[in-house]
Amino acid sequence: MIRVLIVDDHEMIRNGLSSLLRGEPDIHVVEMAQNGAEAVEICASKEIDVALMDIMMPIMNGVEATRLIKEKSPSTRILAVTINDEPRFIKEVLQAGASGYILKHSTKDEIIRAIKDVALSKHHFSNDVLDKISSEFTRSSRTKGPMLTKKEEEVLRFIAQEFTNQEIADKLNCGIRTVDTHKRNLIKKLEVKNVVGLVKYAIKMGVVGS
């Protein structure tokens, strides 16, 4: 059973997410909070597997709440659920420790899938968020780092999301050897030692959170 905390300053959103998850056999909404400060307290006193975290809230925003929860309750995973798709907010909350980022207009199936992925220590991003991340990373890499091909950028993003070589090959419709070649090229271009270095670079550039 995945124990969930819903954090949002709008009661209608809290109740809507709770109703959406009601009846799911593997998910149980333990508590709801209306700001980040309440969320930190709840995670410190109750066993929460996944916190659905809004970003813009009074008293304490979602970025600061995520940072504190990961410090005080590291086993709790954070899934950002927000209307805000600005790259700087995505980067901030991921660097604070969130494991995923989806938008409030996501379908029920995606929200449930995201919760389950994050609970399994995977990363999850909605497609529109991935598009934002990819565009921002492309811009950043051109101005702050080595020039990467589109395929290399995609491979780096998938590596940072902890996909296996086979999963990356399937997503890119190519062979595993091609994926290996892209990895070797990335390691050389980004001047890192191994795949762990690639993940650290991706986090630094805001592709995914830690």
N, C-alpha and C. Protein backbone atom coordinates (compact mmCIF):
# COMPACT_ATOMS: atom_id res chain seq x y z
N MET A 1 0.84 -1.20 0.00
CA MET A 1 0.00 0.00 0.00
C MET A 1 0.87 1.25 0.00
N ILE A 2 0.61 2.17 -0.92
CA ILE A 2 1.36 3.42 -1.02
C ILE A 2 0.63 4.48 -0.20
N ARG A 3 1.30 4.98 0.82
CA ARG A 3 0.71 5.99 1.71
C ARG A 3 1.01 7.38 1.17
N VAL A 4 -0.05 8.13 0.87
CA VAL A 4 0.08 9.41 0.15
C VAL A 4 -0.33 10.60 1.01
N LEU A 5 0.42 11.67 0.87
CA LEU A 5 0.06 12.96 1.45
C LEU A 5 -0.22 13.93 0.31
N ILE A 6 -1.34 14.64 0.38
CA ILE A 6 -1.69 15.63 -0.64
C ILE A 6 -1.43 17.02 -0.06
N VAL A 7 -0.59 17.80 -0.77
CA VAL A 7 -0.21 19.13 -0.29
C VAL A 7 -0.61 20.18 -1.32
N ASP A 8 -1.58 21.02 -0.98
CA ASP A 8 -2.04 22.07 -1.90
C ASP A 8 -2.81 23.10 -1.09
N ASP A 9 -2.65 24.38 -1.42
CA ASP A 9 -3.33 25.42 -0.67
C ASP A 9 -4.78 25.61 -1.08
N HIS A 10 -5.22 24.93 -2.13
CA HIS A 10 -6.62 25.03 -2.57
C HIS A 10 -7.39 23.78 -2.13
N GLU A 11 -8.40 23.99 -1.33
CA GLU A 11 -9.18 22.87 -0.80
C GLU A 11 -9.80 22.05 -1.93
N MET A 12 -10.26 22.73 -2.98
CA MET A 12 -10.90 22.03 -4.08
C MET A 12 -9.92 21.05 -4.75
N ILE A 13 -8.66 21.46 -4.89
CA ILE A 13 -7.65 20.59 -5.49
C ILE A 13 -7.36 19.41 -4.57
N ARG A 14 -7.20 19.69 -3.27
CA ARG A 14 -6.95 18.61 -2.31
C ARG A 14 -8.06 17.57 -2.35
N ASN A 15 -9.28 18.06 -2.30
CA ASN A 15 -10.42 17.14 -2.30
C ASN A 15 -10.54 16.41 -3.63
N GLY A 16 -10.23 17.12 -4.72
CA GLY A 16 -10.31 16.50 -6.04
C GLY A 16 -9.32 15.36 -6.20
N LEU A 17 -8.08 15.59 -5.76
CA LEU A 17 -7.07 14.53 -5.84
C LEU A 17 -7.42 13.37 -4.93
N SER A 18 -7.94 13.69 -3.75
CA SER A 18 -8.33 12.64 -2.81
C SER A 18 -9.45 11.77 -3.40
N SER A 19 -10.43 12.42 -4.01
CA SER A 19 -11.54 11.68 -4.62
C SER A 19 -11.05 10.84 -5.79
N LEU A 20 -10.11 11.40 -6.56
CA LEU A 20 -9.57 10.68 -7.72
C LEU A 20 -8.86 9.40 -7.28
N LEU A 21 -8.19 9.45 -6.13
CA LEU A 21 -7.41 8.30 -5.67
C LEU A 21 -8.24 7.34 -4.82
N ARG A 22 -9.40 7.78 -4.40
CA ARG A 22 -10.24 6.94 -3.56
C ARG A 22 -10.65 5.67 -4.32
N GLY A 23 -10.50 4.54 -3.70
CA GLY A 23 -10.88 3.28 -4.34
C GLY A 23 -9.72 2.58 -5.02
N GLU A 24 -8.58 3.28 -5.17
CA GLU A 24 -7.41 2.62 -5.75
C GLU A 24 -6.87 1.61 -4.74
N PRO A 25 -6.79 0.35 -5.10
CA PRO A 25 -6.42 -0.69 -4.13
C PRO A 25 -5.01 -0.57 -3.57
N ASP A 26 -4.10 0.07 -4.31
CA ASP A 26 -2.70 0.13 -3.87
C ASP A 26 -2.31 1.49 -3.31
N ILE A 27 -3.29 2.42 -3.23
CA ILE A 27 -2.97 3.79 -2.79
C ILE A 27 -3.93 4.21 -1.68
N HIS A 28 -3.35 4.79 -0.62
CA HIS A 28 -4.17 5.28 0.49
C HIS A 28 -3.76 6.70 0.85
N VAL A 29 -4.71 7.63 0.79
CA VAL A 29 -4.44 9.02 1.18
C VAL A 29 -4.47 9.09 2.70
N VAL A 30 -3.31 9.29 3.30
CA VAL A 30 -3.17 9.31 4.75
C VAL A 30 -3.60 10.64 5.34
N GLU A 31 -3.21 11.74 4.66
CA GLU A 31 -3.42 13.08 5.22
C GLU A 31 -3.39 14.11 4.10
N MET A 32 -3.89 15.31 4.40
CA MET A 32 -3.80 16.43 3.47
C MET A 32 -3.26 17.64 4.20
N ALA A 33 -2.48 18.48 3.47
CA ALA A 33 -1.90 19.68 4.06
C ALA A 33 -2.15 20.85 3.12
N GLN A 34 -2.28 22.08 3.71
CA GLN A 34 -2.58 23.24 2.88
C GLN A 34 -1.38 24.14 2.64
N ASN A 35 -0.22 23.74 3.18
CA ASN A 35 1.01 24.48 2.88
C ASN A 35 2.21 23.59 3.17
N GLY A 36 3.39 24.06 2.78
CA GLY A 36 4.59 23.26 2.94
C GLY A 36 4.97 22.99 4.38
N ALA A 37 4.73 23.96 5.27
CA ALA A 37 5.08 23.78 6.68
C ALA A 37 4.29 22.62 7.29
N GLU A 38 3.00 22.56 6.99
CA GLU A 38 2.18 21.45 7.48
C GLU A 38 2.68 20.12 6.92
N ALA A 39 3.08 20.13 5.65
CA ALA A 39 3.57 18.91 5.01
C ALA A 39 4.82 18.38 5.70
N VAL A 40 5.74 19.28 6.04
CA VAL A 40 6.97 18.88 6.73
C VAL A 40 6.64 18.22 8.06
N GLU A 41 5.71 18.82 8.83
CA GLU A 41 5.32 18.28 10.13
C GLU A 41 4.67 16.90 9.99
N ILE A 42 3.80 16.77 9.00
CA ILE A 42 3.10 15.50 8.81
C ILE A 42 4.08 14.40 8.43
N CYS A 43 5.01 14.70 7.52
CA CYS A 43 5.98 13.69 7.10
C CYS A 43 6.90 13.28 8.23
N ALA A 44 7.12 14.18 9.18
CA ALA A 44 7.97 13.87 10.32
C ALA A 44 7.26 13.01 11.35
N SER A 45 5.92 13.06 11.37
CA SER A 45 5.16 12.34 12.40
C SER A 45 4.44 11.10 11.88
N LYS A 46 4.28 10.99 10.55
CA LYS A 46 3.58 9.85 9.98
C LYS A 46 4.39 9.23 8.86
N GLU A 47 4.13 7.97 8.60
CA GLU A 47 4.84 7.29 7.51
C GLU A 47 4.17 7.64 6.19
N ILE A 48 4.85 8.45 5.41
CA ILE A 48 4.34 8.89 4.10
C ILE A 48 5.29 8.37 3.03
N ASP A 49 4.76 7.65 2.06
CA ASP A 49 5.59 7.13 0.98
C ASP A 49 5.77 8.16 -0.12
N VAL A 50 4.67 8.83 -0.50
CA VAL A 50 4.71 9.81 -1.58
C VAL A 50 3.91 11.05 -1.18
N ALA A 51 4.54 12.22 -1.29
CA ALA A 51 3.84 13.48 -1.07
C ALA A 51 3.57 14.14 -2.41
N LEU A 52 2.31 14.41 -2.70
CA LEU A 52 1.93 15.13 -3.92
C LEU A 52 2.04 16.62 -3.59
N MET A 53 3.04 17.28 -4.15
CA MET A 53 3.43 18.61 -3.70
C MET A 53 3.12 19.72 -4.71
N ASP A 54 2.28 20.66 -4.30
CA ASP A 54 2.09 21.87 -5.10
C ASP A 54 3.34 22.73 -4.93
N ILE A 55 3.55 23.69 -5.82
CA ILE A 55 4.76 24.52 -5.75
C ILE A 55 4.49 25.87 -5.09
N MET A 56 3.54 26.62 -5.61
CA MET A 56 3.27 27.96 -5.10
C MET A 56 2.23 27.88 -3.99
N MET A 57 2.69 28.05 -2.74
CA MET A 57 1.80 28.00 -1.57
C MET A 57 2.24 29.04 -0.55
N PRO A 58 1.32 29.52 0.28
CA PRO A 58 1.68 30.48 1.32
C PRO A 58 2.43 29.79 2.46
N ILE A 59 3.03 30.59 3.31
CA ILE A 59 3.77 30.15 4.51
C ILE A 59 5.06 29.45 4.13
N MET A 60 4.96 28.35 3.39
CA MET A 60 6.15 27.67 2.88
C MET A 60 5.83 27.05 1.54
N ASN A 61 6.61 27.40 0.51
CA ASN A 61 6.32 26.88 -0.83
C ASN A 61 6.79 25.44 -0.98
N GLY A 62 6.45 24.86 -2.11
CA GLY A 62 6.75 23.45 -2.35
C GLY A 62 8.21 23.13 -2.49
N VAL A 63 9.00 24.08 -2.99
CA VAL A 63 10.44 23.84 -3.15
C VAL A 63 11.10 23.71 -1.78
N GLU A 64 10.83 24.65 -0.88
CA GLU A 64 11.43 24.61 0.45
C GLU A 64 10.91 23.41 1.24
N ALA A 65 9.61 23.11 1.09
CA ALA A 65 9.05 21.95 1.77
C ALA A 65 9.70 20.66 1.29
N THR A 66 9.92 20.56 0.01
CA THR A 66 10.59 19.38 -0.55
C THR A 66 11.98 19.22 0.04
N ARG A 67 12.72 20.32 0.10
CA ARG A 67 14.09 20.29 0.64
C ARG A 67 14.09 19.82 2.10
N LEU A 68 13.17 20.34 2.90
CA LEU A 68 13.13 19.99 4.32
C LEU A 68 12.65 18.55 4.53
N ILE A 69 11.67 18.14 3.74
CA ILE A 69 11.18 16.76 3.87
C ILE A 69 12.27 15.76 3.54
N LYS A 70 13.03 16.05 2.48
CA LYS A 70 14.11 15.13 2.10
C LYS A 70 15.22 15.11 3.15
N GLU A 71 15.38 16.20 3.91
CA GLU A 71 16.37 16.24 4.99
C GLU A 71 15.87 15.48 6.22
N LYS A 72 14.60 15.72 6.58
CA LYS A 72 14.07 15.17 7.82
C LYS A 72 13.42 13.80 7.64
N SER A 73 12.85 13.55 6.48
CA SER A 73 12.15 12.28 6.21
C SER A 73 12.58 11.76 4.85
N PRO A 74 13.84 11.34 4.72
CA PRO A 74 14.41 10.99 3.41
C PRO A 74 13.71 9.85 2.68
N SER A 75 12.98 9.01 3.41
CA SER A 75 12.30 7.90 2.74
C SER A 75 11.04 8.35 2.00
N THR A 76 10.57 9.55 2.29
CA THR A 76 9.39 10.09 1.61
C THR A 76 9.79 10.60 0.23
N ARG A 77 9.07 10.16 -0.78
CA ARG A 77 9.32 10.61 -2.15
C ARG A 77 8.38 11.77 -2.47
N ILE A 78 8.88 12.72 -3.24
CA ILE A 78 8.09 13.90 -3.58
C ILE A 78 7.73 13.89 -5.07
N LEU A 79 6.44 14.04 -5.34
CA LEU A 79 5.95 14.18 -6.71
C LEU A 79 5.31 15.56 -6.82
N ALA A 80 5.92 16.45 -7.59
CA ALA A 80 5.35 17.78 -7.78
C ALA A 80 4.10 17.67 -8.66
N VAL A 81 3.00 18.25 -8.19
CA VAL A 81 1.75 18.28 -8.95
C VAL A 81 1.30 19.73 -8.98
N THR A 82 1.44 20.38 -10.12
CA THR A 82 1.27 21.83 -10.17
C THR A 82 0.77 22.28 -11.53
N ILE A 83 0.32 23.53 -11.61
CA ILE A 83 -0.06 24.10 -12.91
C ILE A 83 1.13 24.80 -13.55
N ASN A 84 2.21 24.94 -12.80
CA ASN A 84 3.36 25.73 -13.24
C ASN A 84 4.35 24.87 -14.00
N ASP A 85 4.57 25.19 -15.27
CA ASP A 85 5.52 24.42 -16.07
C ASP A 85 6.74 25.25 -16.48
N GLU A 86 7.01 26.34 -15.73
CA GLU A 86 8.19 27.14 -16.04
C GLU A 86 9.45 26.36 -15.70
N PRO A 87 10.42 26.31 -16.62
CA PRO A 87 11.65 25.52 -16.40
C PRO A 87 12.35 25.82 -15.10
N ARG A 88 12.36 27.08 -14.66
CA ARG A 88 13.10 27.41 -13.44
C ARG A 88 12.47 26.75 -12.21
N PHE A 89 11.14 26.65 -12.18
CA PHE A 89 10.48 25.99 -11.06
C PHE A 89 10.71 24.48 -11.12
N ILE A 90 10.66 23.93 -12.33
CA ILE A 90 10.93 22.49 -12.50
C ILE A 90 12.33 22.19 -11.98
N LYS A 91 13.29 22.99 -12.38
CA LYS A 91 14.69 22.77 -11.97
C LYS A 91 14.83 22.90 -10.46
N GLU A 92 14.21 23.93 -9.87
CA GLU A 92 14.36 24.16 -8.44
C GLU A 92 13.81 23.02 -7.60
N VAL A 93 12.62 22.55 -7.93
CA VAL A 93 12.01 21.51 -7.10
C VAL A 93 12.71 20.16 -7.30
N LEU A 94 13.22 19.91 -8.52
CA LEU A 94 13.95 18.67 -8.74
C LEU A 94 15.28 18.69 -8.01
N GLN A 95 15.95 19.82 -8.03
CA GLN A 95 17.21 19.93 -7.30
C GLN A 95 17.00 19.89 -5.79
N ALA A 96 15.80 20.25 -5.35
CA ALA A 96 15.47 20.16 -3.92
C ALA A 96 15.25 18.72 -3.49
N GLY A 97 15.03 17.82 -4.47
CA GLY A 97 14.88 16.41 -4.12
C GLY A 97 13.65 15.71 -4.64
N ALA A 98 12.82 16.40 -5.42
CA ALA A 98 11.62 15.75 -5.96
C ALA A 98 12.00 14.66 -6.95
N SER A 99 11.16 13.64 -7.02
CA SER A 99 11.41 12.50 -7.92
C SER A 99 10.58 12.57 -9.20
N GLY A 100 9.65 13.50 -9.25
CA GLY A 100 8.81 13.61 -10.44
C GLY A 100 8.11 14.94 -10.51
N TYR A 101 7.53 15.22 -11.68
CA TYR A 101 6.88 16.51 -11.89
C TYR A 101 5.79 16.31 -12.93
N ILE A 102 4.54 16.49 -12.52
CA ILE A 102 3.42 16.40 -13.46
C ILE A 102 2.53 17.62 -13.26
N LEU A 103 1.66 17.87 -14.23
CA LEU A 103 0.77 19.02 -14.16
C LEU A 103 -0.61 18.61 -13.67
N LYS A 104 -1.33 19.56 -13.12
CA LYS A 104 -2.62 19.25 -12.51
C LYS A 104 -3.66 18.78 -13.51
N HIS A 105 -3.46 19.12 -14.78
CA HIS A 105 -4.44 18.66 -15.76
C HIS A 105 -4.13 17.25 -16.28
N SER A 106 -3.16 16.58 -15.68
CA SER A 106 -2.82 15.21 -16.08
C SER A 106 -4.02 14.30 -15.88
N THR A 107 -4.09 13.24 -16.67
CA THR A 107 -5.19 12.28 -16.56
C THR A 107 -5.06 11.47 -15.28
N LYS A 108 -6.14 10.85 -14.87
CA LYS A 108 -6.12 9.99 -13.69
C LYS A 108 -5.09 8.89 -13.85
N ASP A 109 -5.04 8.28 -15.03
CA ASP A 109 -4.09 7.18 -15.26
C ASP A 109 -2.65 7.66 -15.08
N GLU A 110 -2.35 8.85 -15.59
CA GLU A 110 -0.98 9.34 -15.45
C GLU A 110 -0.64 9.66 -14.01
N ILE A 111 -1.56 10.26 -13.27
CA ILE A 111 -1.32 10.59 -11.87
C ILE A 111 -1.04 9.32 -11.07
N ILE A 112 -1.85 8.29 -11.30
CA ILE A 112 -1.66 7.03 -10.59
C ILE A 112 -0.34 6.38 -10.99
N ARG A 113 -0.03 6.40 -12.28
CA ARG A 113 1.23 5.82 -12.74
C ARG A 113 2.41 6.58 -12.15
N ALA A 114 2.30 7.90 -12.08
CA ALA A 114 3.38 8.72 -11.52
C ALA A 114 3.60 8.39 -10.05
N ILE A 115 2.52 8.27 -9.30
CA ILE A 115 2.63 7.92 -7.88
C ILE A 115 3.32 6.58 -7.70
N LYS A 116 2.93 5.60 -8.51
CA LYS A 116 3.52 4.26 -8.39
C LYS A 116 4.99 4.26 -8.80
N ASP A 117 5.33 5.01 -9.85
CA ASP A 117 6.73 5.10 -10.27
C ASP A 117 7.58 5.72 -9.17
N VAL A 118 7.12 6.83 -8.64
CA VAL A 118 7.89 7.54 -7.62
C VAL A 118 8.03 6.69 -6.36
N ALA A 119 6.96 5.96 -6.01
CA ALA A 119 7.01 5.09 -4.83
C ALA A 119 8.06 3.99 -5.00
N LEU A 120 8.34 3.62 -6.25
CA LEU A 120 9.35 2.60 -6.54
C LEU A 120 10.74 3.21 -6.76
N SER A 121 10.90 4.46 -6.33
CA SER A 121 12.18 5.18 -6.45
C SER A 121 12.56 5.47 -7.89
N LYS A 122 11.57 5.56 -8.76
CA LYS A 122 11.82 5.95 -10.14
C LYS A 122 11.48 7.43 -10.31
N HIS A 123 11.90 8.00 -11.43
CA HIS A 123 11.50 9.36 -11.77
C HIS A 123 10.30 9.30 -12.71
N HIS A 124 9.46 10.32 -12.63
CA HIS A 124 8.32 10.37 -13.56
C HIS A 124 8.03 11.82 -13.91
N PHE A 125 7.91 12.08 -15.22
CA PHE A 125 7.60 13.42 -15.72
C PHE A 125 6.52 13.29 -16.79
N SER A 126 5.55 14.18 -16.75
CA SER A 126 4.54 14.18 -17.80
C SER A 126 5.19 14.64 -19.11
N ASN A 127 4.58 14.29 -20.22
CA ASN A 127 5.19 14.58 -21.52
C ASN A 127 5.43 16.07 -21.74
N ASP A 128 4.49 16.91 -21.31
CA ASP A 128 4.67 18.35 -21.51
C ASP A 128 5.81 18.89 -20.65
N VAL A 129 6.00 18.30 -19.49
CA VAL A 129 7.13 18.70 -18.65
C VAL A 129 8.44 18.24 -19.28
N LEU A 130 8.45 17.02 -19.83
CA LEU A 130 9.65 16.54 -20.52
C LEU A 130 10.02 17.45 -21.68
N ASP A 131 9.01 17.95 -22.39
CA ASP A 131 9.28 18.87 -23.49
C ASP A 131 9.95 20.15 -22.97
N LYS A 132 9.45 20.66 -21.84
CA LYS A 132 10.04 21.86 -21.25
C LYS A 132 11.48 21.60 -20.82
N ILE A 133 11.69 20.44 -20.17
CA ILE A 133 13.03 20.10 -19.71
C ILE A 133 13.99 19.98 -20.89
N SER A 134 13.51 19.31 -21.94
CA SER A 134 14.36 19.10 -23.12
C SER A 134 14.72 20.43 -23.77
N SER A 135 13.74 21.33 -23.90
CA SER A 135 13.99 22.63 -24.53
C SER A 135 14.97 23.45 -23.70
N GLU A 136 14.77 23.44 -22.37
CA GLU A 136 15.65 24.21 -21.50
C GLU A 136 17.05 23.63 -21.50
N PHE A 137 17.13 22.29 -21.51
CA PHE A 137 18.46 21.66 -21.51
C PHE A 137 19.19 21.96 -22.81
N THR A 138 18.45 21.95 -23.91
CA THR A 138 19.06 22.27 -25.20
C THR A 138 19.62 23.69 -25.18
N ARG A 139 18.84 24.63 -24.66
CA ARG A 139 19.28 26.02 -24.57
C ARG A 139 20.50 26.14 -23.65
N SER A 140 20.43 25.48 -22.49
CA SER A 140 21.53 25.58 -21.53
C SER A 140 22.80 24.94 -22.06
N SER A 141 22.64 23.80 -22.72
CA SER A 141 23.84 23.10 -23.20
C SER A 141 24.54 23.91 -24.29
N ARG A 142 23.76 24.70 -25.04
CA ARG A 142 24.36 25.50 -26.10
C ARG A 142 25.09 26.72 -25.55
N THR A 143 24.64 27.20 -24.39
CA THR A 143 25.23 28.41 -23.84
C THR A 143 26.23 28.14 -22.72
N LYS A 144 26.10 26.97 -22.06
CA LYS A 144 26.92 26.72 -20.88
C LYS A 144 27.78 25.46 -20.98
N GLY A 145 27.59 24.67 -22.00
CA GLY A 145 28.33 23.42 -22.04
C GLY A 145 28.52 22.93 -23.45
N PRO A 146 29.04 21.69 -23.59
CA PRO A 146 29.32 21.12 -24.91
C PRO A 146 28.05 20.99 -25.75
N MET A 147 28.20 21.09 -27.05
CA MET A 147 27.08 20.92 -27.96
C MET A 147 26.74 19.44 -28.07
N LEU A 148 25.50 19.09 -27.76
CA LEU A 148 25.05 17.70 -27.85
C LEU A 148 24.07 17.56 -29.00
N THR A 149 24.07 16.39 -29.61
CA THR A 149 23.07 16.11 -30.64
C THR A 149 21.73 15.87 -29.96
N LYS A 150 20.66 15.91 -30.72
CA LYS A 150 19.33 15.68 -30.16
C LYS A 150 19.24 14.29 -29.54
N LYS A 151 19.82 13.29 -30.22
CA LYS A 151 19.81 11.92 -29.69
C LYS A 151 20.59 11.83 -28.39
N GLU A 152 21.72 12.52 -28.33
CA GLU A 152 22.52 12.50 -27.10
C GLU A 152 21.76 13.13 -25.95
N GLU A 153 21.04 14.22 -26.24
CA GLU A 153 20.23 14.87 -25.21
C GLU A 153 19.15 13.92 -24.71
N GLU A 154 18.51 13.20 -25.64
CA GLU A 154 17.46 12.25 -25.26
C GLU A 154 18.04 11.12 -24.42
N VAL A 155 19.19 10.59 -24.84
CA VAL A 155 19.81 9.49 -24.10
C VAL A 155 20.20 9.96 -22.70
N LEU A 156 20.76 11.15 -22.59
CA LEU A 156 21.13 11.69 -21.29
C LEU A 156 19.92 11.82 -20.38
N ARG A 157 18.82 12.31 -20.94
CA ARG A 157 17.60 12.46 -20.14
C ARG A 157 17.09 11.11 -19.65
N PHE A 158 17.13 10.10 -20.52
CA PHE A 158 16.66 8.76 -20.13
C PHE A 158 17.60 8.11 -19.11
N ILE A 159 18.90 8.34 -19.26
CA ILE A 159 19.86 7.81 -18.29
C ILE A 159 19.57 8.40 -16.92
N ALA A 160 19.33 9.71 -16.89
CA ALA A 160 19.06 10.40 -15.63
C ALA A 160 17.74 9.93 -15.01
N GLN A 161 16.83 9.42 -15.83
CA GLN A 161 15.56 8.89 -15.33
C GLN A 161 15.67 7.41 -14.96
N GLU A 162 16.89 6.87 -15.02
CA GLU A 162 17.19 5.51 -14.58
C GLU A 162 16.60 4.44 -15.50
N PHE A 163 16.44 4.74 -16.78
CA PHE A 163 16.01 3.72 -17.73
C PHE A 163 17.19 2.82 -18.05
N THR A 164 16.92 1.54 -18.29
CA THR A 164 17.97 0.60 -18.68
C THR A 164 18.33 0.83 -20.15
N ASN A 165 19.45 0.23 -20.57
CA ASN A 165 19.86 0.34 -21.98
C ASN A 165 18.77 -0.15 -22.91
N GLN A 166 18.16 -1.28 -22.54
CA GLN A 166 17.11 -1.85 -23.39
C GLN A 166 15.90 -0.92 -23.47
N GLU A 167 15.53 -0.33 -22.33
CA GLU A 167 14.38 0.59 -22.32
C GLU A 167 14.68 1.83 -23.16
N ILE A 168 15.90 2.32 -23.07
CA ILE A 168 16.28 3.48 -23.89
C ILE A 168 16.24 3.12 -25.37
N ALA A 169 16.79 1.94 -25.69
CA ALA A 169 16.78 1.48 -27.08
C ALA A 169 15.35 1.38 -27.61
N ASP A 170 14.45 0.86 -26.78
CA ASP A 170 13.05 0.71 -27.20
C ASP A 170 12.41 2.08 -27.44
N LYS A 171 12.69 3.03 -26.55
CA LYS A 171 12.09 4.36 -26.68
C LYS A 171 12.61 5.11 -27.90
N LEU A 172 13.89 4.88 -28.23
CA LEU A 172 14.50 5.58 -29.36
C LEU A 172 14.44 4.76 -30.65
N ASN A 173 13.86 3.55 -30.53
CA ASN A 173 13.72 2.66 -31.69
C ASN A 173 15.09 2.40 -32.34
N CYS A 174 16.04 2.00 -31.50
CA CYS A 174 17.38 1.70 -32.00
C CYS A 174 17.93 0.50 -31.24
N GLY A 175 19.13 0.08 -31.57
CA GLY A 175 19.74 -1.06 -30.91
C GLY A 175 20.49 -0.66 -29.65
N ILE A 176 20.77 -1.66 -28.79
CA ILE A 176 21.49 -1.41 -27.55
C ILE A 176 22.90 -0.88 -27.85
N ARG A 177 23.52 -1.40 -28.92
CA ARG A 177 24.87 -0.92 -29.27
C ARG A 177 24.86 0.57 -29.58
N THR A 178 23.79 1.03 -30.22
CA THR A 178 23.67 2.46 -30.52
C THR A 178 23.59 3.26 -29.24
N VAL A 179 22.83 2.75 -28.26
CA VAL A 179 22.72 3.42 -26.97
C VAL A 179 24.09 3.48 -26.30
N ASP A 180 24.82 2.37 -26.35
CA ASP A 180 26.17 2.34 -25.76
C ASP A 180 27.08 3.37 -26.42
N THR A 181 26.96 3.48 -27.73
CA THR A 181 27.78 4.46 -28.45
C THR A 181 27.46 5.88 -27.98
N HIS A 182 26.16 6.18 -27.85
CA HIS A 182 25.76 7.51 -27.36
C HIS A 182 26.31 7.76 -25.95
N LYS A 183 26.27 6.73 -25.11
CA LYS A 183 26.78 6.88 -23.74
C LYS A 183 28.27 7.20 -23.74
N ARG A 184 29.02 6.46 -24.56
CA ARG A 184 30.47 6.70 -24.63
C ARG A 184 30.76 8.12 -25.14
N ASN A 185 29.98 8.56 -26.13
CA ASN A 185 30.16 9.91 -26.66
C ASN A 185 29.84 10.97 -25.60
N LEU A 186 28.78 10.71 -24.82
CA LEU A 186 28.40 11.66 -23.77
C LEU A 186 29.47 11.74 -22.69
N ILE A 187 29.99 10.58 -22.29
CA ILE A 187 31.04 10.55 -21.27
C ILE A 187 32.26 11.34 -21.74
N LYS A 188 32.60 11.19 -23.02
CA LYS A 188 33.75 11.90 -23.57
C LYS A 188 33.47 13.40 -23.67
N LYS A 189 32.30 13.77 -24.22
CA LYS A 189 31.98 15.18 -24.41
C LYS A 189 31.85 15.93 -23.09
N LEU A 190 31.22 15.29 -22.12
CA LEU A 190 30.94 15.97 -20.86
C LEU A 190 32.08 15.81 -19.86
N GLU A 191 33.11 15.06 -20.28
CA GLU A 191 34.32 14.90 -19.49
C GLU A 191 34.03 14.34 -18.10
N VAL A 192 33.23 13.27 -18.08
CA VAL A 192 32.96 12.56 -16.83
C VAL A 192 33.53 11.15 -16.96
N LYS A 193 33.54 10.40 -15.84
CA LYS A 193 34.19 9.10 -15.84
C LYS A 193 33.26 7.94 -16.18
N ASN A 194 31.98 8.08 -15.86
CA ASN A 194 31.06 6.95 -16.03
C ASN A 194 29.61 7.45 -16.06
N VAL A 195 28.68 6.48 -16.02
CA VAL A 195 27.25 6.82 -16.07
C VAL A 195 26.83 7.64 -14.86
N VAL A 196 27.43 7.35 -13.69
CA VAL A 196 27.12 8.15 -12.50
C VAL A 196 27.45 9.62 -12.75
N GLY A 197 28.57 9.86 -13.43
CA GLY A 197 28.95 11.22 -13.78
C GLY A 197 27.94 11.88 -14.70
N LEU A 198 27.38 11.08 -15.61
CA LEU A 198 26.35 11.61 -16.51
C LEU A 198 25.11 12.03 -15.73
N VAL A 199 24.71 11.20 -14.76
CA VAL A 199 23.54 11.52 -13.95
C VAL A 199 23.78 12.80 -13.15
N LYS A 200 24.98 12.91 -12.56
CA LYS A 200 25.30 14.12 -11.80
C LYS A 200 25.27 15.36 -12.69
N TYR A 201 25.76 15.21 -13.91
CA TYR A 201 25.75 16.33 -14.84
C TYR A 201 24.31 16.72 -15.17
N ALA A 202 23.47 15.71 -15.40
CA ALA A 202 22.05 15.97 -15.72
C ALA A 202 21.35 16.69 -14.58
N ILE A 203 21.67 16.30 -13.35
CA ILE A 203 21.07 16.96 -12.19
C ILE A 203 21.53 18.42 -12.11
N LYS A 204 22.83 18.61 -12.33
CA LYS A 204 23.40 19.96 -12.29
C LYS A 204 22.74 20.87 -13.32
N MET A 205 22.45 20.31 -14.49
CA MET A 205 21.86 21.10 -15.56
C MET A 205 20.35 21.21 -15.43
N GLY A 206 19.79 20.50 -14.41
CA GLY A 206 18.36 20.61 -14.17
C GLY A 206 17.51 19.67 -15.01
N VAL A 207 18.13 18.61 -15.59
CA VAL A 207 17.36 17.66 -16.39
C VAL A 207 16.44 16.85 -15.48
N VAL A 208 16.96 16.39 -14.33
CA VAL A 208 16.17 15.68 -13.34
C VAL A 208 16.68 16.04 -11.96
N GLY A 209 15.89 15.68 -10.95
CA GLY A 209 16.34 15.90 -9.59
C GLY A 209 17.16 14.74 -9.07
N SER A 210 17.75 14.91 -7.92
CA SER A 210 18.58 13.88 -7.31
C SER A 210 17.74 12.82 -6.65
